[in-house]
Amino acid sequence: MAMSLAGKNFLSVLDLTRDEIEEVWRVAAGQKSGEISAEAQRQVAPGRSLALLFDKASLRTRLGFEVAMHQLGGHAVYLGPTEVSIGQREAVGDAARVLGRTVDAIAARLFSHENMQTLAELAGVPVINAMSNREHPCQVLADLLTIREHKGDLKGVEVAWVGDGYNVCHSLLLICGMFGVSLRVATPATYDPHADIVAKAQELAGESGGTITLGTDPAAAAKDADVVYTDVWISAGQEESAIRRRSDFREFQVNEELMAHAKSDAIVLHCLPAHRDEEITDDVLDGPQCAAFDQAENRLHTQRALLTLIFS
């Protein structure tokens, strides 16, 4: 293994360098293709344990980490909200100290990014952000691997984000900025991404040759795009504002009319779960341009690769 991430936290896209992310993709591609054999993978983490500390429901993230640890010869322990309820039933620092003395790494899906940071400061073992209210860095590792599989070199690829400027959008801004991807974000006026993240993404794009633009017109964002990406309008914890959000986002649906503005060979991404016929229509999600299920599969491959480098 040419590079190790031993001991490193992954709370934000910015916690890894461009070279380290490239290494994650290289290992993911090798494991996915079989170039790195199943037997070699089983030797990565024998006797190692990963705690899955989750405040929120999960399919792809939990499945990816549990299957990955099994394939790497280790073991995953799921700790849901009824077991821990971090910050409520048990103080974040107390849970961190117990986990750090018991497992070799932690993948945490928490509402609060501040709790994620406290966990990482006090656990003494690597902490992976499996989603917080600020970022979803594991998701975008899979996203850009999927784009690269479909479109080749990332530099110069035109990506349209249509929807909420929330956690996935934040991580996408940063990773696109790092890799010279041109990203156009279209959100309703009061749902734009955090200004500090946008500023950092634009700084990174200035160094990599990419561009980062924000607007409120989905058609303008999708014009001649290679990739059109959306997410749910109502994320976990936002249910109380569901009626208002559906009204605010009604013009931001990814449908055939919107896709007509993109390139004819554009792919569609969705981090899933999808609210069908809300943010995306059935005909697009089930259509030939959709790569959302390639993207979902790549969650396993990129998370397994990330663990491989952390345990190396």
Protein backbone atom coordinates (compact mmCIF):
# COMPACT_ATOMS: atom_id res chain seq x y z
CA MET A 1 0.00 0.00 0.00
CA ALA A 2 1.60 3.25 -1.15
CA MET A 3 -0.18 5.52 1.31
CA SER A 4 -1.66 5.17 4.79
CA LEU A 5 -4.35 7.16 6.56
CA ALA A 6 -3.62 5.47 9.88
CA GLY A 7 -4.83 7.56 12.79
CA LYS A 8 -6.55 10.17 10.62
CA ASN A 9 -10.05 11.52 11.20
CA PHE A 10 -12.34 12.12 8.24
CA LEU A 11 -14.87 14.67 9.42
CA SER A 12 -14.68 16.86 6.34
CA VAL A 13 -13.54 16.55 2.74
CA LEU A 14 -10.80 18.97 3.79
CA ASP A 15 -9.33 16.41 6.21
CA LEU A 16 -7.81 14.55 3.23
CA THR A 17 -5.45 15.92 0.63
CA ARG A 18 -6.10 15.57 -3.06
CA ASP A 19 -3.47 12.80 -3.22
CA GLU A 20 -5.09 10.95 -0.32
CA ILE A 21 -8.51 11.06 -1.98
CA GLU A 22 -6.93 9.80 -5.21
CA GLU A 23 -5.48 6.93 -3.20
CA VAL A 24 -8.93 6.08 -1.80
CA TRP A 25 -10.25 5.91 -5.36
CA ARG A 26 -7.29 3.84 -6.54
CA VAL A 27 -7.83 1.28 -3.78
CA ALA A 28 -11.60 1.31 -4.30
CA ALA A 29 -11.19 0.62 -8.01
CA GLY A 30 -8.71 -2.19 -7.33
CA GLN A 31 -10.94 -3.85 -4.75
CA LYS A 32 -14.02 -3.41 -6.93
CA SER A 33 -12.38 -4.94 -10.01
CA GLY A 34 -10.73 -7.80 -8.13
CA GLU A 35 -7.23 -6.54 -8.89
CA ILE A 36 -6.87 -6.46 -5.10
CA SER A 37 -8.02 -9.96 -4.25
CA ALA A 38 -10.67 -10.88 -1.70
CA GLU A 39 -7.99 -12.80 0.23
CA ALA A 40 -5.77 -9.72 0.39
CA GLN A 41 -8.73 -7.66 1.58
CA ARG A 42 -9.46 -10.12 4.40
CA GLN A 43 -5.96 -9.49 5.77
CA VAL A 44 -6.55 -5.75 6.26
CA ALA A 45 -8.45 -5.68 9.55
CA PRO A 46 -8.51 -9.08 11.28
CA GLY A 47 -9.48 -8.58 14.90
CA ARG A 48 -10.36 -4.89 14.31
CA SER A 49 -13.69 -3.38 15.34
CA LEU A 50 -15.60 -0.41 13.94
CA ALA A 51 -18.37 1.25 15.97
CA LEU A 52 -21.28 2.59 13.94
CA LEU A 53 -22.63 5.36 16.16
CA PHE A 54 -25.82 6.51 14.44
CA ASP A 55 -28.39 9.13 15.50
CA LYS A 56 -30.21 8.76 12.17
CA ALA A 57 -31.57 5.94 10.04
CA SER A 58 -29.29 4.61 7.32
CA LEU A 59 -29.26 2.11 4.48
CA ARG A 60 -26.26 2.72 2.19
CA THR A 61 -23.90 4.10 4.84
CA ARG A 62 -24.54 1.40 7.43
CA LEU A 63 -24.64 -1.37 4.85
CA GLY A 64 -21.42 -0.16 3.23
CA PHE A 65 -19.49 -0.02 6.50
CA GLU A 66 -20.81 -3.32 7.86
CA VAL A 67 -20.15 -5.25 4.65
CA ALA A 68 -16.77 -3.56 4.23
CA MET A 69 -15.61 -4.54 7.72
CA HIS A 70 -16.71 -8.13 7.12
CA GLN A 71 -14.83 -8.22 3.81
CA LEU A 72 -11.73 -6.74 5.48
CA GLY A 73 -11.74 -9.46 8.14
CA GLY A 74 -13.01 -7.21 10.93
CA HIS A 75 -16.26 -6.57 12.75
CA ALA A 76 -18.76 -3.70 12.91
CA VAL A 77 -20.91 -2.93 15.96
CA TYR A 78 -24.08 -0.90 15.32
CA LEU A 79 -25.09 1.53 18.06
CA GLY A 80 -28.35 3.26 17.20
CA PRO A 81 -30.16 6.07 18.98
CA THR A 82 -31.90 3.72 21.41
CA GLU A 83 -28.53 2.35 22.57
CA VAL A 84 -26.65 5.64 22.95
CA SER A 85 -28.57 8.84 22.02
CA ILE A 86 -25.31 10.74 22.19
CA GLY A 87 -25.48 14.12 23.88
CA GLN A 88 -28.82 13.23 25.51
CA ARG A 89 -28.77 9.84 27.22
CA GLU A 90 -24.98 10.03 27.50
CA ALA A 91 -22.55 12.95 27.31
CA VAL A 92 -20.53 13.09 24.09
CA GLY A 93 -17.22 13.06 25.97
CA ASP A 94 -18.17 10.06 28.09
CA ALA A 95 -19.28 8.07 25.06
CA ALA A 96 -16.11 9.06 23.20
CA ARG A 97 -13.84 7.82 25.98
CA VAL A 98 -15.69 4.50 26.28
CA LEU A 99 -15.65 3.91 22.52
CA GLY A 100 -11.99 4.84 22.21
CA ARG A 101 -11.07 2.22 24.81
CA THR A 102 -13.17 -0.47 23.09
CA VAL A 103 -12.99 -0.18 19.29
CA ASP A 104 -10.37 0.65 16.68
CA ALA A 105 -12.36 3.28 14.77
CA ILE A 106 -15.75 5.00 14.80
CA ALA A 107 -18.11 5.90 11.97
CA ALA A 108 -20.60 8.40 13.35
CA ARG A 109 -23.87 9.68 11.86
CA LEU A 110 -24.86 12.54 14.15
CA PHE A 111 -27.21 15.49 13.83
CA SER A 112 -24.64 17.84 15.35
CA HIS A 113 -21.30 18.44 13.64
CA GLU A 114 -20.05 19.95 16.91
CA ASN A 115 -20.72 16.62 18.63
CA MET A 116 -18.80 14.94 15.81
CA GLN A 117 -15.81 17.18 16.47
CA THR A 118 -15.95 16.52 20.22
CA LEU A 119 -16.11 12.80 19.57
CA ALA A 120 -13.00 13.02 17.37
CA GLU A 121 -11.12 15.14 19.91
CA LEU A 122 -11.71 12.75 22.82
CA ALA A 123 -12.01 9.23 21.38
CA GLY A 124 -8.35 8.68 20.61
CA VAL A 125 -9.20 6.52 17.58
CA PRO A 126 -10.04 7.57 14.00
CA VAL A 127 -13.53 9.03 13.57
CA ILE A 128 -15.28 9.01 10.19
CA ASN A 129 -18.15 11.41 9.52
CA ALA A 130 -20.92 9.15 8.25
CA MET A 131 -23.10 12.30 7.96
CA SER A 132 -23.69 15.37 10.07
CA ASN A 133 -25.71 18.53 9.60
CA ARG A 134 -22.65 20.17 8.00
CA GLU A 135 -21.08 17.57 5.71
CA HIS A 136 -21.42 14.09 4.22
CA PRO A 137 -17.85 13.43 3.02
CA CYS A 138 -18.25 9.67 2.54
CA GLN A 139 -21.05 10.34 0.07
CA VAL A 140 -19.01 12.54 -2.24
CA LEU A 141 -16.10 10.08 -2.37
CA ALA A 142 -18.57 7.73 -4.05
CA ASP A 143 -20.11 10.52 -6.14
CA LEU A 144 -16.91 11.59 -7.85
CA LEU A 145 -15.74 8.00 -8.33
CA THR A 146 -19.05 7.39 -10.13
CA ILE A 147 -18.61 10.50 -12.28
CA ARG A 148 -15.10 9.41 -13.16
CA GLU A 149 -16.30 5.93 -14.13
CA HIS A 150 -18.89 7.44 -16.49
CA LYS A 151 -17.06 10.54 -17.73
CA GLY A 152 -13.34 9.88 -17.38
CA ASP A 153 -11.11 12.71 -16.19
CA LEU A 154 -12.88 14.89 -13.63
CA LYS A 155 -11.24 18.14 -14.66
CA GLY A 156 -13.63 20.24 -16.71
CA VAL A 157 -16.69 18.09 -16.00
CA GLU A 158 -19.80 20.26 -15.62
CA VAL A 159 -21.99 19.31 -12.64
CA ALA A 160 -25.36 20.85 -11.77
CA TRP A 161 -26.64 20.60 -8.21
CA VAL A 162 -30.40 21.22 -8.06
CA GLY A 163 -32.03 21.38 -4.66
CA ASP A 164 -31.08 22.09 -1.04
CA GLY A 165 -27.68 23.60 -0.18
CA TYR A 166 -27.28 21.28 2.78
CA ASN A 167 -24.72 18.72 3.95
CA VAL A 168 -24.20 16.74 0.72
CA CYS A 169 -24.01 19.97 -1.26
CA HIS A 170 -21.40 21.30 1.18
CA SER A 171 -19.12 18.30 0.71
CA LEU A 172 -19.71 18.32 -3.05
CA LEU A 173 -18.66 21.98 -3.23
CA LEU A 174 -15.39 21.23 -1.49
CA ILE A 175 -14.45 18.11 -3.44
CA CYS A 176 -15.40 19.66 -6.79
CA GLY A 177 -13.26 22.66 -5.90
CA MET A 178 -10.32 20.36 -5.14
CA PHE A 179 -10.54 18.43 -8.41
CA GLY A 180 -11.22 21.12 -10.99
CA VAL A 181 -14.85 20.18 -11.50
CA SER A 182 -17.15 22.99 -12.60
CA LEU A 183 -20.10 23.00 -10.21
CA ARG A 184 -23.24 25.09 -10.64
CA VAL A 185 -25.51 25.10 -7.59
CA ALA A 186 -29.16 26.06 -7.94
CA THR A 187 -31.20 26.42 -4.74
CA PRO A 188 -34.22 28.43 -3.67
CA ALA A 189 -33.13 31.84 -2.41
CA THR A 190 -33.06 31.01 1.30
CA TYR A 191 -31.57 27.51 0.98
CA ASP A 192 -28.12 28.37 -0.36
CA PRO A 193 -25.08 26.59 1.12
CA HIS A 194 -23.03 28.08 3.95
CA ALA A 195 -20.99 31.09 2.84
CA ASP A 196 -17.76 29.88 4.44
CA ILE A 197 -17.92 26.57 2.58
CA VAL A 198 -18.68 28.33 -0.71
CA ALA A 199 -15.73 30.68 -0.18
CA LYS A 200 -13.37 27.76 0.52
CA ALA A 201 -14.68 25.83 -2.50
CA GLN A 202 -14.11 28.85 -4.74
CA GLU A 203 -10.59 29.23 -3.36
CA LEU A 204 -9.85 25.58 -4.13
CA ALA A 205 -11.41 25.89 -7.59
CA GLY A 206 -9.17 28.87 -8.31
CA GLU A 207 -6.17 26.62 -7.66
CA SER A 208 -7.48 23.58 -9.56
CA GLY A 209 -9.00 25.30 -12.59
CA GLY A 210 -12.61 24.56 -11.71
CA THR A 211 -15.47 26.98 -11.20
CA ILE A 212 -18.08 27.28 -8.48
CA THR A 213 -21.24 29.29 -9.15
CA LEU A 214 -24.46 29.76 -7.21
CA GLY A 215 -27.89 30.72 -8.47
CA THR A 216 -31.62 30.16 -8.15
CA ASP A 217 -32.43 28.93 -11.69
CA PRO A 218 -32.42 25.11 -12.10
CA ALA A 219 -32.52 25.33 -15.91
CA ALA A 220 -29.49 27.63 -16.00
CA ALA A 221 -27.58 25.26 -13.73
CA ALA A 222 -28.50 22.23 -15.85
CA LYS A 223 -27.65 23.88 -19.20
CA ASP A 224 -25.08 21.69 -21.02
CA ALA A 225 -24.30 19.82 -17.79
CA ASP A 226 -22.53 16.45 -17.85
CA VAL A 227 -24.08 15.53 -14.49
CA VAL A 228 -27.33 16.59 -12.82
CA TYR A 229 -27.43 15.85 -9.09
CA THR A 230 -30.25 16.21 -6.59
CA ASP A 231 -31.14 15.23 -3.03
CA VAL A 232 -34.29 15.12 -0.92
CA TRP A 233 -36.02 18.37 -0.10
CA ILE A 234 -36.74 17.30 3.47
CA SER A 235 -33.78 15.79 5.31
CA ALA A 236 -33.91 14.02 8.66
CA GLY A 237 -34.71 16.56 11.37
CA GLN A 238 -36.51 18.93 8.97
CA GLU A 239 -39.91 17.23 9.02
CA GLU A 240 -41.61 20.12 10.83
CA SER A 241 -40.97 22.37 7.81
CA ALA A 242 -42.08 19.80 5.21
CA ILE A 243 -45.08 21.75 3.88
CA ARG A 244 -43.10 24.96 3.44
CA ARG A 245 -40.18 23.14 1.87
CA ARG A 246 -42.34 21.37 -0.69
CA SER A 247 -43.71 24.75 -1.71
CA ASP A 248 -40.30 26.43 -1.83
CA PHE A 249 -38.72 23.64 -3.89
CA ARG A 250 -41.57 22.93 -6.30
CA GLU A 251 -39.65 24.42 -9.26
CA PHE A 252 -36.52 22.39 -8.45
CA GLN A 253 -37.70 18.93 -9.47
CA VAL A 254 -35.35 16.90 -11.67
CA ASN A 255 -37.63 15.73 -14.46
CA GLU A 256 -37.45 15.20 -18.22
CA GLU A 257 -38.09 18.89 -18.86
CA LEU A 258 -35.08 19.88 -16.75
CA MET A 259 -32.90 17.12 -18.23
CA ALA A 260 -33.59 18.51 -21.71
CA HIS A 261 -31.30 21.42 -20.77
CA ALA A 262 -28.38 19.09 -19.99
CA LYS A 263 -26.17 17.30 -22.48
CA SER A 264 -27.79 14.36 -24.21
CA ASP A 265 -25.36 11.95 -22.52
CA ALA A 266 -25.64 13.56 -19.07
CA ILE A 267 -25.96 11.27 -16.08
CA VAL A 268 -28.27 11.78 -13.12
CA LEU A 269 -27.10 11.32 -9.53
CA HIS A 270 -29.13 11.08 -6.34
CA CYS A 271 -27.58 10.17 -3.00
CA LEU A 272 -30.79 8.33 -2.01
CA PRO A 273 -33.21 7.64 -0.45
CA ALA A 274 -35.35 9.32 -3.08
CA HIS A 275 -38.81 10.75 -2.55
CA ARG A 276 -40.10 9.70 -5.94
CA ASP A 277 -42.07 12.30 -7.88
CA GLU A 278 -41.01 14.93 -5.38
CA GLU A 279 -37.41 16.03 -6.02
CA ILE A 280 -37.03 13.53 -8.89
CA THR A 281 -39.55 11.84 -11.17
CA ASP A 282 -39.88 8.11 -11.70
CA ASP A 283 -39.07 8.37 -15.38
CA VAL A 284 -35.71 10.01 -14.63
CA LEU A 285 -34.76 7.85 -11.65
CA ASP A 286 -35.63 4.67 -13.55
CA GLY A 287 -34.37 5.97 -16.90
CA PRO A 288 -31.22 5.21 -18.89
CA GLN A 289 -29.38 8.35 -17.76
CA CYS A 290 -29.65 7.53 -14.06
CA ALA A 291 -26.42 6.46 -12.33
CA ALA A 292 -27.80 6.67 -8.79
CA PHE A 293 -27.53 2.94 -8.22
CA ASP A 294 -23.93 2.84 -9.49
CA GLN A 295 -23.39 5.66 -7.03
CA ALA A 296 -25.01 3.65 -4.22
CA GLU A 297 -22.82 0.62 -4.97
CA ASN A 298 -19.75 2.83 -4.89
CA ARG A 299 -20.55 3.76 -1.30
CA LEU A 300 -19.39 0.23 -0.39
CA HIS A 301 -16.23 0.42 -2.48
CA THR A 302 -15.11 3.86 -1.30
CA GLN A 303 -15.93 3.21 2.37
CA ARG A 304 -14.07 -0.11 2.21
CA ALA A 305 -11.09 1.64 0.63
CA LEU A 306 -11.17 4.39 3.27
CA LEU A 307 -11.14 1.76 6.04
CA THR A 308 -8.35 -0.13 4.28
CA LEU A 309 -6.14 2.97 4.38
CA ILE A 310 -7.10 3.85 7.94
CA PHE A 311 -6.23 0.32 9.13
CA SER A 312 -3.05 0.07 7.05
